[in-house]
Amino acid sequence: MNKEIKERARHKAFAKISFIELENRTYRRDIKSGGDGRLSVELLKTCLRSNEKELLTWQYIAKLIETNE
């Protein structure tokens, strides 16, 4: 695989992971405080569950990128 493409894919995957982790912290904070004023706690919980699955997917992609020489 082209080294430049692999490096770009690696950066993209880790950036996405960081962003999802940030979103999850925000969802947890908003759930704990009873909502953010725009979204219900139930909707925030649904978003968090979805994001947790998305995080696992991106972590797997990052692992594949890292281990595929």
PDB file of N, CA and C in Angstrom:
ATOM      1  N   MET A   1       0.856  -1.186   0.000  1.00  0.00           N
ATOM      2  CA  MET A   1       0.000   0.000   0.000  1.00  0.00           C
ATOM      3  C   MET A   1       0.897   1.242   0.000  1.00  0.00           C
ATOM      4  N   ASN A   2       0.465   2.241  -0.705  1.00  0.00           N
ATOM      5  CA  ASN A   2       1.193   3.507  -0.761  1.00  0.00           C
ATOM      6  C   ASN A   2       1.348   4.049   0.660  1.00  0.00           C
ATOM      7  N   LYS A   3       2.570   4.364   1.026  1.00  0.00           N
ATOM      8  CA  LYS A   3       2.871   4.817   2.393  1.00  0.00           C
ATOM      9  C   LYS A   3       2.114   6.104   2.742  1.00  0.00           C
ATOM     10  N   GLU A   4       2.017   7.032   1.799  1.00  0.00           N
ATOM     11  CA  GLU A   4       1.309   8.297   2.045  1.00  0.00           C
ATOM     12  C   GLU A   4      -0.179   8.061   2.304  1.00  0.00           C
ATOM     13  N   ILE A   5      -0.789   7.198   1.517  1.00  0.00           N
ATOM     14  CA  ILE A   5      -2.213   6.895   1.689  1.00  0.00           C
ATOM     15  C   ILE A   5      -2.451   6.227   3.045  1.00  0.00           C
ATOM     16  N   LYS A   6      -1.566   5.294   3.393  1.00  0.00           N
ATOM     17  CA  LYS A   6      -1.702   4.614   4.685  1.00  0.00           C
ATOM     18  C   LYS A   6      -1.603   5.616   5.836  1.00  0.00           C
ATOM     19  N   GLU A   7      -0.678   6.537   5.736  1.00  0.00           N
ATOM     20  CA  GLU A   7      -0.506   7.544   6.793  1.00  0.00           C
ATOM     21  C   GLU A   7      -1.735   8.454   6.881  1.00  0.00           C
ATOM     22  N   ARG A   8      -2.272   8.837   5.735  1.00  0.00           N
ATOM     23  CA  ARG A   8      -3.478   9.678   5.730  1.00  0.00           C
ATOM     24  C   ARG A   8      -4.664   8.925   6.329  1.00  0.00           C
ATOM     25  N   ALA A   9      -4.789   7.647   5.987  1.00  0.00           N
ATOM     26  CA  ALA A   9      -5.877   6.822   6.540  1.00  0.00           C
ATOM     27  C   ALA A   9      -5.715   6.692   8.050  1.00  0.00           C
ATOM     28  N   ARG A  10      -4.500   6.504   8.497  1.00  0.00           N
ATOM     29  CA  ARG A  10      -4.222   6.397   9.937  1.00  0.00           C
ATOM     30  C   ARG A  10      -4.630   7.674  10.659  1.00  0.00           C
ATOM     31  N   HIS A  11      -4.239   8.816  10.130  1.00  0.00           N
ATOM     32  CA  HIS A  11      -4.592  10.099  10.752  1.00  0.00           C
ATOM     33  C   HIS A  11      -6.100  10.314  10.756  1.00  0.00           C
ATOM     34  N   LYS A  12      -6.753   9.968   9.664  1.00  0.00           N
ATOM     35  CA  LYS A  12      -8.199  10.139   9.560  1.00  0.00           C
ATOM     36  C   LYS A  12      -8.917   9.262  10.588  1.00  0.00           C
ATOM     37  N   ALA A  13      -8.491   8.008  10.717  1.00  0.00           N
ATOM     38  CA  ALA A  13      -9.115   7.093  11.674  1.00  0.00           C
ATOM     39  C   ALA A  13      -8.938   7.592  13.102  1.00  0.00           C
ATOM     40  N   PHE A  14      -7.738   8.017  13.456  1.00  0.00           N
ATOM     41  CA  PHE A  14      -7.506   8.467  14.824  1.00  0.00           C
ATOM     42  C   PHE A  14      -8.186   9.800  15.111  1.00  0.00           C
ATOM     43  N   ALA A  15      -8.328  10.650  14.106  1.00  0.00           N
ATOM     44  CA  ALA A  15      -9.081  11.895  14.284  1.00  0.00           C
ATOM     45  C   ALA A  15     -10.558  11.583  14.536  1.00  0.00           C
ATOM     46  N   LYS A  16     -11.093  10.638  13.778  1.00  0.00           N
ATOM     47  CA  LYS A  16     -12.499  10.250  13.948  1.00  0.00           C
ATOM     48  C   LYS A  16     -12.711   9.647  15.339  1.00  0.00           C
ATOM     49  N   ILE A  17     -11.795   8.812  15.782  1.00  0.00           N
ATOM     50  CA  ILE A  17     -11.884   8.214  17.120  1.00  0.00           C
ATOM     51  C   ILE A  17     -11.884   9.308  18.181  1.00  0.00           C
ATOM     52  N   SER A  18     -10.996  10.267  18.057  1.00  0.00           N
ATOM     53  CA  SER A  18     -10.922  11.365  19.032  1.00  0.00           C
ATOM     54  C   SER A  18     -12.215  12.163  19.067  1.00  0.00           C
ATOM     55  N   PHE A  19     -12.781  12.433  17.898  1.00  0.00           N
ATOM     56  CA  PHE A  19     -14.016  13.205  17.829  1.00  0.00           C
ATOM     57  C   PHE A  19     -15.178  12.440  18.462  1.00  0.00           C
ATOM     58  N   ILE A  20     -15.270  11.144  18.184  1.00  0.00           N
ATOM     59  CA  ILE A  20     -16.346  10.326  18.766  1.00  0.00           C
ATOM     60  C   ILE A  20     -16.196  10.274  20.279  1.00  0.00           C
ATOM     61  N   GLU A  21     -14.981  10.130  20.778  1.00  0.00           N
ATOM     62  CA  GLU A  21     -14.756  10.112  22.227  1.00  0.00           C
ATOM     63  C   GLU A  21     -15.190  11.439  22.851  1.00  0.00           C
ATOM     64  N   LEU A  22     -14.898  12.536  22.185  1.00  0.00           N
ATOM     65  CA  LEU A  22     -15.336  13.852  22.672  1.00  0.00           C
ATOM     66  C   LEU A  22     -16.854  13.945  22.702  1.00  0.00           C
ATOM     67  N   GLU A  23     -17.498  13.508  21.636  1.00  0.00           N
ATOM     68  CA  GLU A  23     -18.965  13.497  21.596  1.00  0.00           C
ATOM     69  C   GLU A  23     -19.542  12.650  22.726  1.00  0.00           C
ATOM     70  N   ASN A  24     -18.945  11.487  22.965  1.00  0.00           N
ATOM     71  CA  ASN A  24     -19.435  10.599  24.019  1.00  0.00           C
ATOM     72  C   ASN A  24     -19.321  11.242  25.396  1.00  0.00           C
ATOM     73  N   ARG A  25     -18.229  11.942  25.644  1.00  0.00           N
ATOM     74  CA  ARG A  25     -18.094  12.645  26.931  1.00  0.00           C
ATOM     75  C   ARG A  25     -19.194  13.695  27.075  1.00  0.00           C
ATOM     76  N   THR A  26     -19.490  14.388  25.990  1.00  0.00           N
ATOM     77  CA  THR A  26     -20.544  15.401  26.011  1.00  0.00           C
ATOM     78  C   THR A  26     -21.902  14.750  26.257  1.00  0.00           C
ATOM     79  N   TYR A  27     -22.179  13.650  25.561  1.00  0.00           N
ATOM     80  CA  TYR A  27     -23.450  12.942  25.775  1.00  0.00           C
ATOM     81  C   TYR A  27     -23.580  12.491  27.226  1.00  0.00           C
ATOM     82  N   ARG A  28     -22.516  11.919  27.785  1.00  0.00           N
ATOM     83  CA  ARG A  28     -22.571  11.452  29.179  1.00  0.00           C
ATOM     84  C   ARG A  28     -22.826  12.609  30.145  1.00  0.00           C
ATOM     85  N   ARG A  29     -22.154  13.727  29.908  1.00  0.00           N
ATOM     86  CA  ARG A  29     -22.357  14.904  30.749  1.00  0.00           C
ATOM     87  C   ARG A  29     -23.794  15.407  30.658  1.00  0.00           C
ATOM     88  N   ASP A  30     -24.313  15.481  29.443  1.00  0.00           N
ATOM     89  CA  ASP A  30     -25.679  15.970  29.249  1.00  0.00           C
ATOM     90  C   ASP A  30     -26.709  15.014  29.831  1.00  0.00           C
ATOM     91  N   ILE A  31     -26.466  13.713  29.722  1.00  0.00           N
ATOM     92  CA  ILE A  31     -27.374  12.723  30.306  1.00  0.00           C
ATOM     93  C   ILE A  31     -27.373  12.874  31.825  1.00  0.00           C
ATOM     94  N   LYS A  32     -26.188  13.017  32.400  1.00  0.00           N
ATOM     95  CA  LYS A  32     -26.066  13.153  33.853  1.00  0.00           C
ATOM     96  C   LYS A  32     -26.776  14.403  34.366  1.00  0.00           C
ATOM     97  N   SER A  33     -26.748  15.472  33.564  1.00  0.00           N
ATOM     98  CA  SER A  33     -27.372  16.728  34.006  1.00  0.00           C
ATOM     99  C   SER A  33     -28.857  16.809  33.659  1.00  0.00           C
ATOM    100  N   GLY A  34     -29.388  15.758  33.032  1.00  0.00           N
ATOM    101  CA  GLY A  34     -30.816  15.732  32.744  1.00  0.00           C
ATOM    102  C   GLY A  34     -31.201  16.244  31.375  1.00  0.00           C
ATOM    103  N   GLY A  35     -30.242  16.359  30.496  1.00  0.00           N
ATOM    104  CA  GLY A  35     -30.515  16.815  29.135  1.00  0.00           C
ATOM    105  C   GLY A  35     -29.781  18.108  28.841  1.00  0.00           C
ATOM    106  N   ASP A  36     -29.749  18.465  27.566  1.00  0.00           N
ATOM    107  CA  ASP A  36     -29.032  19.677  27.178  1.00  0.00           C
ATOM    108  C   ASP A  36     -29.977  20.816  26.811  1.00  0.00           C
ATOM    109  N   GLY A  37     -31.279  20.628  27.002  1.00  0.00           N
ATOM    110  CA  GLY A  37     -32.243  21.669  26.694  1.00  0.00           C
ATOM    111  C   GLY A  37     -32.827  21.556  25.300  1.00  0.00           C
ATOM    112  N   ARG A  38     -32.141  20.867  24.418  1.00  0.00           N
ATOM    113  CA  ARG A  38     -32.643  20.670  23.061  1.00  0.00           C
ATOM    114  C   ARG A  38     -33.086  19.235  22.833  1.00  0.00           C
ATOM    115  N   LEU A  39     -32.339  18.307  23.416  1.00  0.00           N
ATOM    116  CA  LEU A  39     -32.596  16.884  23.203  1.00  0.00           C
ATOM    117  C   LEU A  39     -32.993  16.218  24.512  1.00  0.00           C
ATOM    118  N   SER A  40     -33.913  15.273  24.409  1.00  0.00           N
ATOM    119  CA  SER A  40     -34.343  14.550  25.609  1.00  0.00           C
ATOM    120  C   SER A  40     -33.226  13.610  26.068  1.00  0.00           C
ATOM    121  N   VAL A  41     -33.298  13.199  27.311  1.00  0.00           N
ATOM    122  CA  VAL A  41     -32.309  12.262  27.857  1.00  0.00           C
ATOM    123  C   VAL A  41     -32.365  10.953  27.079  1.00  0.00           C
ATOM    124  N   GLU A  42     -33.560  10.515  26.710  1.00  0.00           N
ATOM    125  CA  GLU A  42     -33.679   9.266  25.941  1.00  0.00           C
ATOM    126  C   GLU A  42     -32.973   9.367  24.596  1.00  0.00           C
ATOM    127  N   LEU A  43     -33.138  10.487  23.927  1.00  0.00           N
ATOM    128  CA  LEU A  43     -32.471  10.673  22.644  1.00  0.00           C
ATOM    129  C   LEU A  43     -30.957  10.752  22.832  1.00  0.00           C
ATOM    130  N   LEU A  44     -30.513  11.403  23.882  1.00  0.00           N
ATOM    131  CA  LEU A  44     -29.077  11.462  24.171  1.00  0.00           C
ATOM    132  C   LEU A  44     -28.526  10.061  24.429  1.00  0.00           C
ATOM    133  N   LYS A  45     -29.275   9.231  25.138  1.00  0.00           N
ATOM    134  CA  LYS A  45     -28.842   7.852  25.404  1.00  0.00           C
ATOM    135  C   LYS A  45     -28.757   7.057  24.111  1.00  0.00           C
ATOM    136  N   THR A  46     -29.717   7.272  23.228  1.00  0.00           N
ATOM    137  CA  THR A  46     -29.705   6.596  21.932  1.00  0.00           C
ATOM    138  C   THR A  46     -28.487   7.025  21.125  1.00  0.00           C
ATOM    139  N   CYS A  47     -28.204   8.306  21.124  1.00  0.00           N
ATOM    140  CA  CYS A  47     -27.024   8.826  20.421  1.00  0.00           C
ATOM    141  C   CYS A  47     -25.745   8.242  21.003  1.00  0.00           C
ATOM    142  N   LEU A  48     -25.671   8.147  22.313  1.00  0.00           N
ATOM    143  CA  LEU A  48     -24.487   7.591  22.969  1.00  0.00           C
ATOM    144  C   LEU A  48     -24.289   6.128  22.581  1.00  0.00           C
ATOM    145  N   ARG A  49     -25.365   5.345  22.616  1.00  0.00           N
ATOM    146  CA  ARG A  49     -25.257   3.929  22.228  1.00  0.00           C
ATOM    147  C   ARG A  49     -24.785   3.793  20.782  1.00  0.00           C
ATOM    148  N   SER A  50     -25.338   4.602  19.923  1.00  0.00           N
ATOM    149  CA  SER A  50     -24.942   4.571  18.513  1.00  0.00           C
ATOM    150  C   SER A  50     -23.471   4.947  18.352  1.00  0.00           C
ATOM    151  N   ASN A  51     -23.065   5.977  19.055  1.00  0.00           N
ATOM    152  CA  ASN A  51     -21.677   6.429  18.981  1.00  0.00           C
ATOM    153  C   ASN A  51     -20.713   5.393  19.537  1.00  0.00           C
ATOM    154  N   GLU A  52     -21.126   4.671  20.567  1.00  0.00           N
ATOM    155  CA  GLU A  52     -20.255   3.635  21.132  1.00  0.00           C
ATOM    156  C   GLU A  52     -20.009   2.533  20.107  1.00  0.00           C
ATOM    157  N   LYS A  53     -21.039   2.172  19.334  1.00  0.00           N
ATOM    158  CA  LYS A  53     -20.867   1.181  18.264  1.00  0.00           C
ATOM    159  C   LYS A  53     -19.962   1.737  17.170  1.00  0.00           C
ATOM    160  N   GLU A  54     -20.167   2.995  16.826  1.00  0.00           N
ATOM    161  CA  GLU A  54     -19.342   3.655  15.809  1.00  0.00           C
ATOM    162  C   GLU A  54     -17.880   3.701  16.258  1.00  0.00           C
ATOM    163  N   LEU A  55     -17.655   3.962  17.536  1.00  0.00           N
ATOM    164  CA  LEU A  55     -16.299   3.999  18.082  1.00  0.00           C
ATOM    165  C   LEU A  55     -15.619   2.640  17.930  1.00  0.00           C
ATOM    166  N   LEU A  56     -16.322   1.574  18.241  1.00  0.00           N
ATOM    167  CA  LEU A  56     -15.756   0.228  18.087  1.00  0.00           C
ATOM    168  C   LEU A  56     -15.372  -0.039  16.630  1.00  0.00           C
ATOM    169  N   THR A  57     -16.210   0.413  15.711  1.00  0.00           N
ATOM    170  CA  THR A  57     -15.928   0.229  14.295  1.00  0.00           C
ATOM    171  C   THR A  57     -14.655   0.968  13.892  1.00  0.00           C
ATOM    172  N   TRP A  58     -14.532   2.231  14.303  1.00  0.00           N
ATOM    173  CA  TRP A  58     -13.352   3.016  13.945  1.00  0.00           C
ATOM    174  C   TRP A  58     -12.097   2.485  14.633  1.00  0.00           C
ATOM    175  N   GLN A  59     -12.234   1.970  15.845  1.00  0.00           N
ATOM    176  CA  GLN A  59     -11.074   1.369  16.511  1.00  0.00           C
ATOM    177  C   GLN A  59     -10.598   0.138  15.753  1.00  0.00           C
ATOM    178  N   TYR A  60     -11.551  -0.634  15.234  1.00  0.00           N
ATOM    179  CA  TYR A  60     -11.206  -1.806  14.441  1.00  0.00           C
ATOM    180  C   TYR A  60     -10.515  -1.388  13.142  1.00  0.00           C
ATOM    181  N   ILE A  61     -11.051  -0.374  12.479  1.00  0.00           N
ATOM    182  CA  ILE A  61     -10.431   0.139  11.249  1.00  0.00           C
ATOM    183  C   ILE A  61      -9.004   0.611  11.529  1.00  0.00           C
ATOM    184  N   ALA A  62      -8.820   1.348  12.619  1.00  0.00           N
ATOM    185  CA  ALA A  62      -7.481   1.834  12.983  1.00  0.00           C
ATOM    186  C   ALA A  62      -6.531   0.668  13.220  1.00  0.00           C
ATOM    187  N   LYS A  63      -7.027  -0.369  13.882  1.00  0.00           N
ATOM    188  CA  LYS A  63      -6.198  -1.549  14.135  1.00  0.00           C
ATOM    189  C   LYS A  63      -5.781  -2.215  12.818  1.00  0.00           C
ATOM    190  N   LEU A  64      -6.721  -2.311  11.883  1.00  0.00           N
ATOM    191  CA  LEU A  64      -6.395  -2.899  10.588  1.00  0.00           C
ATOM    192  C   LEU A  64      -5.346  -2.073   9.853  1.00  0.00           C
ATOM    193  N   ILE A  65      -5.485  -0.770   9.918  1.00  0.00           N
ATOM    194  CA  ILE A  65      -4.521   0.111   9.258  1.00  0.00           C
ATOM    195  C   ILE A  65      -3.144  -0.072   9.881  1.00  0.00           C
ATOM    196  N   GLU A  66      -3.098  -0.122  11.214  1.00  0.00           N
ATOM    197  CA  GLU A  66      -1.825  -0.235  11.928  1.00  0.00           C
ATOM    198  C   GLU A  66      -1.136  -1.584  11.683  1.00  0.00           C
ATOM    199  N   THR A  67      -1.918  -2.658  11.571  1.00  0.00           N
ATOM    200  CA  THR A  67      -1.315  -3.989  11.466  1.00  0.00           C
ATOM    201  C   THR A  67      -1.092  -4.419  10.026  1.00  0.00           C
ATOM    202  N   ASN A  68      -1.640  -3.707   9.061  1.00  0.00           N
ATOM    203  CA  ASN A  68      -1.459  -4.061   7.661  1.00  0.00           C
ATOM    204  C   ASN A  68      -0.227  -3.366   7.105  1.00  0.00           C
ATOM    205  N   GLU A  69       0.837  -4.084   7.061  1.00  0.00           N
ATOM    206  CA  GLU A  69       2.092  -3.532   6.542  1.00  0.00           C
ATOM    207  C   GLU A  69       2.092  -3.747   5.057  1.00  0.00           C
TER     208      GLU A  69
END
